[in-house]
PDB file of N, CA and C in Angstrom:
ATOM      1  N   TYR A   1     -21.564   5.848 -38.517  1.00  0.00           N
ATOM      2  CA  TYR A   1     -21.000   4.700 -38.770  1.00  0.00           C
ATOM      3  C   TYR A   1     -19.423   4.767 -38.825  1.00  0.00           C
ATOM      4  N   GLU A   2     -19.058   6.130 -39.247  1.00  0.00           N
ATOM      5  CA  GLU A   2     -17.677   5.899 -39.153  1.00  0.00           C
ATOM      6  C   GLU A   2     -16.939   6.157 -38.285  1.00  0.00           C
ATOM      7  N   ASP A   3     -17.875   6.740 -37.131  1.00  0.00           N
ATOM      8  CA  ASP A   3     -16.647   6.915 -35.656  1.00  0.00           C
ATOM      9  C   ASP A   3     -16.660   5.790 -34.828  1.00  0.00           C
ATOM     10  N   ASP A   4     -17.000   4.478 -34.994  1.00  0.00           N
ATOM     11  CA  ASP A   4     -16.911   3.120 -34.323  1.00  0.00           C
ATOM     12  C   ASP A   4     -15.646   2.634 -34.628  1.00  0.00           C
ATOM     13  N   TYR A   5     -14.930   2.874 -33.738  1.00  0.00           N
ATOM     14  CA  TYR A   5     -13.209   2.193 -34.195  1.00  0.00           C
ATOM     15  C   TYR A   5     -13.473   0.745 -33.927  1.00  0.00           C
ATOM     16  N   ASP A   6     -14.648   0.365 -33.273  1.00  0.00           N
ATOM     17  CA  ASP A   6     -14.479  -1.152 -33.009  1.00  0.00           C
ATOM     18  C   ASP A   6     -15.722  -1.649 -33.756  1.00  0.00           C
ATOM     19  N   PRO A   7     -15.855  -2.133 -34.880  1.00  0.00           N
ATOM     20  CA  PRO A   7     -16.848  -2.557 -35.541  1.00  0.00           C
ATOM     21  C   PRO A   7     -17.982  -3.617 -35.016  1.00  0.00           C
ATOM     22  N   ASP A   8     -17.600  -4.018 -34.033  1.00  0.00           N
ATOM     23  CA  ASP A   8     -18.277  -5.237 -33.203  1.00  0.00           C
ATOM     24  C   ASP A   8     -18.909  -4.613 -31.809  1.00  0.00           C
ATOM     25  N   GLY A   9     -18.231  -3.517 -31.492  1.00  0.00           N
ATOM     26  CA  GLY A   9     -18.634  -2.684 -30.331  1.00  0.00           C
ATOM     27  C   GLY A   9     -20.267  -2.678 -30.195  1.00  0.00           C
ATOM     28  N   TYR A  10     -20.647  -1.811 -31.290  1.00  0.00           N
ATOM     29  CA  TYR A  10     -22.078  -1.603 -30.955  1.00  0.00           C
ATOM     30  C   TYR A  10     -23.049  -2.839 -31.033  1.00  0.00           C
ATOM     31  N   PRO A  11     -23.008  -3.660 -32.059  1.00  0.00           N
ATOM     32  CA  PRO A  11     -23.802  -5.190 -31.907  1.00  0.00           C
ATOM     33  C   PRO A  11     -23.539  -5.628 -30.735  1.00  0.00           C
ATOM     34  N   SER A  12     -22.258  -5.691 -29.988  1.00  0.00           N
ATOM     35  CA  SER A  12     -22.250  -6.344 -28.755  1.00  0.00           C
ATOM     36  C   SER A  12     -22.533  -6.050 -27.790  1.00  0.00           C
ATOM     37  N   ILE A  13     -22.700  -4.680 -27.591  1.00  0.00           N
ATOM     38  CA  ILE A  13     -23.254  -4.042 -26.322  1.00  0.00           C
ATOM     39  C   ILE A  13     -24.825  -4.143 -26.523  1.00  0.00           C
ATOM     40  N   LEU A  14     -25.129  -4.112 -27.744  1.00  0.00           N
ATOM     41  CA  LEU A  14     -26.883  -4.299 -27.982  1.00  0.00           C
ATOM     42  C   LEU A  14     -27.309  -5.478 -27.494  1.00  0.00           C
ATOM     43  N   SER A  15     -26.451  -6.328 -27.913  1.00  0.00           N
ATOM     44  CA  SER A  15     -26.760  -7.936 -27.622  1.00  0.00           C
ATOM     45  C   SER A  15     -26.825  -7.974 -26.200  1.00  0.00           C
ATOM     46  N   HIS A  16     -25.824  -7.620 -25.344  1.00  0.00           N
ATOM     47  CA  HIS A  16     -25.583  -7.882 -23.963  1.00  0.00           C
ATOM     48  C   HIS A  16     -26.761  -7.105 -23.156  1.00  0.00           C
ATOM     49  N   LEU A  17     -27.015  -5.876 -23.657  1.00  0.00           N
ATOM     50  CA  LEU A  17     -28.003  -5.174 -22.935  1.00  0.00           C
ATOM     51  C   LEU A  17     -29.555  -5.753 -23.152  1.00  0.00           C
ATOM     52  N   LYS A  18     -29.846  -6.146 -24.447  1.00  0.00           N
ATOM     53  CA  LYS A  18     -30.965  -6.761 -24.548  1.00  0.00           C
ATOM     54  C   LYS A  18     -31.259  -8.141 -24.036  1.00  0.00           C
ATOM     55  N   SER A  19     -30.282  -8.803 -23.697  1.00  0.00           N
ATOM     56  CA  SER A  19     -30.334 -10.127 -22.892  1.00  0.00           C
ATOM     57  C   SER A  19     -30.606  -9.653 -21.538  1.00  0.00           C
ATOM     58  N   SER A  20     -30.092  -8.760 -21.156  1.00  0.00           N
ATOM     59  CA  SER A  20     -30.399  -7.965 -19.693  1.00  0.00           C
ATOM     60  C   SER A  20     -31.893  -7.496 -19.583  1.00  0.00           C
ATOM     61  N   GLY A  21     -32.533  -7.308 -20.744  1.00  0.00           N
ATOM     62  CA  GLY A  21     -34.013  -6.570 -20.643  1.00  0.00           C
ATOM     63  C   GLY A  21     -33.976  -4.969 -20.770  1.00  0.00           C
ATOM     64  N   VAL A  22     -32.759  -4.594 -21.077  1.00  0.00           N
ATOM     65  CA  VAL A  22     -32.648  -3.248 -21.230  1.00  0.00           C
ATOM     66  C   VAL A  22     -33.128  -2.822 -22.598  1.00  0.00           C
ATOM     67  N   GLU A  23     -33.939  -1.610 -22.796  1.00  0.00           N
ATOM     68  CA  GLU A  23     -34.423  -1.162 -24.207  1.00  0.00           C
ATOM     69  C   GLU A  23     -33.330  -0.200 -24.495  1.00  0.00           C
ATOM     70  N   VAL A  24     -33.003  -0.250 -25.547  1.00  0.00           N
ATOM     71  CA  VAL A  24     -32.255   0.870 -26.125  1.00  0.00           C
ATOM     72  C   VAL A  24     -32.714   1.475 -27.515  1.00  0.00           C
ATOM     73  N   TYR A  25     -32.450   2.819 -27.180  1.00  0.00           N
ATOM     74  CA  TYR A  25     -32.657   3.500 -28.298  1.00  0.00           C
ATOM     75  C   TYR A  25     -31.354   3.969 -29.115  1.00  0.00           C
ATOM     76  N   GLY A  26     -31.312   3.834 -30.295  1.00  0.00           N
ATOM     77  CA  GLY A  26     -30.092   4.274 -31.070  1.00  0.00           C
ATOM     78  C   GLY A  26     -30.395   4.642 -32.547  1.00  0.00           C
ATOM     79  N   LYS A  27     -29.591   5.396 -33.280  1.00  0.00           N
ATOM     80  CA  LYS A  27     -29.217   5.919 -34.575  1.00  0.00           C
ATOM     81  C   LYS A  27     -28.228   5.899 -35.090  1.00  0.00           C
ATOM     82  N   GLY A  28     -28.027   5.503 -36.201  1.00  0.00           N
ATOM     83  CA  GLY A  28     -26.587   5.384 -36.952  1.00  0.00           C
ATOM     84  C   GLY A  28     -26.993   6.495 -38.000  1.00  0.00           C
ATOM     85  N   SER A  29     -25.856   7.434 -38.343  1.00  0.00           N
ATOM     86  CA  SER A  29     -25.862   8.223 -39.479  1.00  0.00           C
ATOM     87  C   SER A  29     -24.335   8.232 -40.058  1.00  0.00           C
ATOM     88  N   HIS A  30     -24.277   8.512 -41.099  1.00  0.00           N
ATOM     89  CA  HIS A  30     -22.726   8.541 -41.856  1.00  0.00           C
ATOM     90  C   HIS A  30     -21.874   9.617 -41.264  1.00  0.00           C
ATOM     91  N   GLY A  31     -20.637   9.647 -41.310  1.00  0.00           N
ATOM     92  CA  GLY A  31     -19.569  11.021 -41.024  1.00  0.00           C
ATOM     93  C   GLY A  31     -19.210  10.662 -39.608  1.00  0.00           C
ATOM     94  N   ARG A  32     -18.702  11.881 -39.001  1.00  0.00           N
ATOM     95  CA  ARG A  32     -18.033  11.801 -37.941  1.00  0.00           C
ATOM     96  C   ARG A  32     -18.963  12.542 -36.999  1.00  0.00           C
ATOM     97  N   HIS A  33     -18.717  12.161 -35.796  1.00  0.00           N
ATOM     98  CA  HIS A  33     -19.681  12.388 -34.857  1.00  0.00           C
ATOM     99  C   HIS A  33     -19.708  14.161 -34.820  1.00  0.00           C
ATOM    100  N   THR A  34     -18.955  14.937 -35.041  1.00  0.00           N
ATOM    101  CA  THR A  34     -19.431  16.101 -35.357  1.00  0.00           C
ATOM    102  C   THR A  34     -19.658  16.801 -36.527  1.00  0.00           C
ATOM    103  N   ASP A  35     -19.770  15.909 -37.768  1.00  0.00           N
ATOM    104  CA  ASP A  35     -20.175  16.198 -39.180  1.00  0.00           C
ATOM    105  C   ASP A  35     -21.635  16.789 -38.905  1.00  0.00           C
ATOM    106  N   ASN A  36     -22.359  16.458 -38.072  1.00  0.00           N
ATOM    107  CA  ASN A  36     -24.017  16.964 -38.486  1.00  0.00           C
ATOM    108  C   ASN A  36     -24.612  17.036 -37.043  1.00  0.00           C
ATOM    109  N   SER A  37     -23.930  18.075 -36.376  1.00  0.00           N
ATOM    110  CA  SER A  37     -24.288  18.063 -34.927  1.00  0.00           C
ATOM    111  C   SER A  37     -25.868  18.455 -34.771  1.00  0.00           C
ATOM    112  N   SER A  38     -26.347  19.356 -35.728  1.00  0.00           N
ATOM    113  CA  SER A  38     -27.710  19.868 -35.515  1.00  0.00           C
ATOM    114  C   SER A  38     -28.374  18.360 -35.616  1.00  0.00           C
ATOM    115  N   ASN A  39     -28.396  17.797 -36.572  1.00  0.00           N
ATOM    116  CA  ASN A  39     -29.004  16.592 -36.845  1.00  0.00           C
ATOM    117  C   ASN A  39     -29.222  15.690 -35.291  1.00  0.00           C
ATOM    118  N   VAL A  40     -27.844  15.476 -34.854  1.00  0.00           N
ATOM    119  CA  VAL A  40     -27.808  14.797 -33.742  1.00  0.00           C
ATOM    120  C   VAL A  40     -28.381  15.108 -32.700  1.00  0.00           C
ATOM    121  N   MET A  41     -28.021  16.374 -32.336  1.00  0.00           N
ATOM    122  CA  MET A  41     -28.880  17.160 -31.043  1.00  0.00           C
ATOM    123  C   MET A  41     -30.428  16.985 -31.334  1.00  0.00           C
ATOM    124  N   ALA A  42     -30.972  17.042 -32.406  1.00  0.00           N
ATOM    125  CA  ALA A  42     -32.541  17.199 -32.761  1.00  0.00           C
ATOM    126  C   ALA A  42     -32.889  15.880 -32.225  1.00  0.00           C
ATOM    127  N   TRP A  43     -32.346  14.633 -32.808  1.00  0.00           N
ATOM    128  CA  TRP A  43     -32.913  13.524 -32.501  1.00  0.00           C
ATOM    129  C   TRP A  43     -32.555  12.999 -31.146  1.00  0.00           C
ATOM    130  N   PHE A  44     -31.440  13.433 -30.404  1.00  0.00           N
ATOM    131  CA  PHE A  44     -31.267  13.165 -29.315  1.00  0.00           C
ATOM    132  C   PHE A  44     -32.561  13.978 -28.272  1.00  0.00           C
ATOM    133  N   LYS A  45     -32.803  15.209 -28.557  1.00  0.00           N
ATOM    134  CA  LYS A  45     -33.841  16.052 -27.788  1.00  0.00           C
ATOM    135  C   LYS A  45     -35.159  15.667 -28.037  1.00  0.00           C
ATOM    136  N   SER A  46     -35.227  14.813 -29.229  1.00  0.00           N
ATOM    137  CA  SER A  46     -36.760  14.041 -29.181  1.00  0.00           C
ATOM    138  C   SER A  46     -36.774  13.086 -28.686  1.00  0.00           C
ATOM    139  N   GLN A  47     -35.682  12.192 -28.522  1.00  0.00           N
ATOM    140  CA  GLN A  47     -35.550  10.924 -27.710  1.00  0.00           C
ATOM    141  C   GLN A  47     -35.893  11.240 -26.135  1.00  0.00           C
ATOM    142  N   TYR A  48     -35.021  12.559 -25.829  1.00  0.00           N
ATOM    143  CA  TYR A  48     -35.099  12.795 -24.448  1.00  0.00           C
ATOM    144  C   TYR A  48     -36.638  13.223 -24.005  1.00  0.00           C
ATOM    145  N   ASN A  49     -37.469  14.198 -24.913  1.00  0.00           N
ATOM    146  CA  ASN A  49     -38.957  14.068 -24.776  1.00  0.00           C
ATOM    147  C   ASN A  49     -39.739  13.273 -25.053  1.00  0.00           C
ATOM    148  N   ASN A  50     -39.496  12.219 -25.430  1.00  0.00           N
ATOM    149  CA  ASN A  50     -40.176  11.044 -25.644  1.00  0.00           C
ATOM    150  C   ASN A  50     -39.907  10.172 -24.121  1.00  0.00           C
ATOM    151  N   LEU A  51     -38.899  10.470 -23.966  1.00  0.00           N
ATOM    152  CA  LEU A  51     -38.877   9.324 -22.362  1.00  0.00           C
ATOM    153  C   LEU A  51     -39.559  10.105 -21.231  1.00  0.00           C
ATOM    154  N   LEU A  52     -39.308  11.517 -21.237  1.00  0.00           N
ATOM    155  CA  LEU A  52     -40.120  12.294 -20.316  1.00  0.00           C
ATOM    156  C   LEU A  52     -41.383  12.395 -20.400  1.00  0.00           C
ATOM    157  N   HIS A  53     -42.241  12.049 -21.601  1.00  0.00           N
ATOM    158  CA  HIS A  53     -43.566  11.933 -21.908  1.00  0.00           C
ATOM    159  C   HIS A  53     -43.993  10.552 -21.715  1.00  0.00           C
ATOM    160  N   ASP A  54     -43.469   9.693 -22.044  1.00  0.00           N
ATOM    161  CA  ASP A  54     -43.744   8.174 -21.831  1.00  0.00           C
ATOM    162  C   ASP A  54     -43.508   7.767 -20.413  1.00  0.00           C
ATOM    163  N   ASP A  55     -42.645   7.946 -19.829  1.00  0.00           N
ATOM    164  CA  ASP A  55     -42.154   7.550 -18.299  1.00  0.00           C
ATOM    165  C   ASP A  55     -42.594   8.217 -17.268  1.00  0.00           C
ATOM    166  N   PHE A  56     -42.516   9.736 -17.369  1.00  0.00           N
ATOM    167  CA  PHE A  56     -42.863  10.435 -16.589  1.00  0.00           C
ATOM    168  C   PHE A  56     -44.000  11.270 -16.687  1.00  0.00           C
ATOM    169  N   SER A  57     -44.726  11.401 -17.847  1.00  0.00           N
ATOM    170  CA  SER A  57     -46.064  11.638 -17.834  1.00  0.00           C
ATOM    171  C   SER A  57     -45.723  13.473 -18.070  1.00  0.00           C
ATOM    172  N   ARG A  58     -44.658  14.078 -18.374  1.00  0.00           N
ATOM    173  CA  ARG A  58     -44.343  15.367 -18.429  1.00  0.00           C
ATOM    174  C   ARG A  58     -44.328  15.669 -19.690  1.00  0.00           C
TER     175      ARG A  58
END
């Protein structure tokens, strides 16, 4: 949450993408982007694995 220099940036891009039919996966957490790298990477890896499984049957 604290890394976003434009407080309207994320909501604006979500609104635009959703109106275009794009599905967005996102998660916010407190602190700077390097404060909890292991948690961020674990979440990203789980989303990547879900995408491979759901969309590519891998």
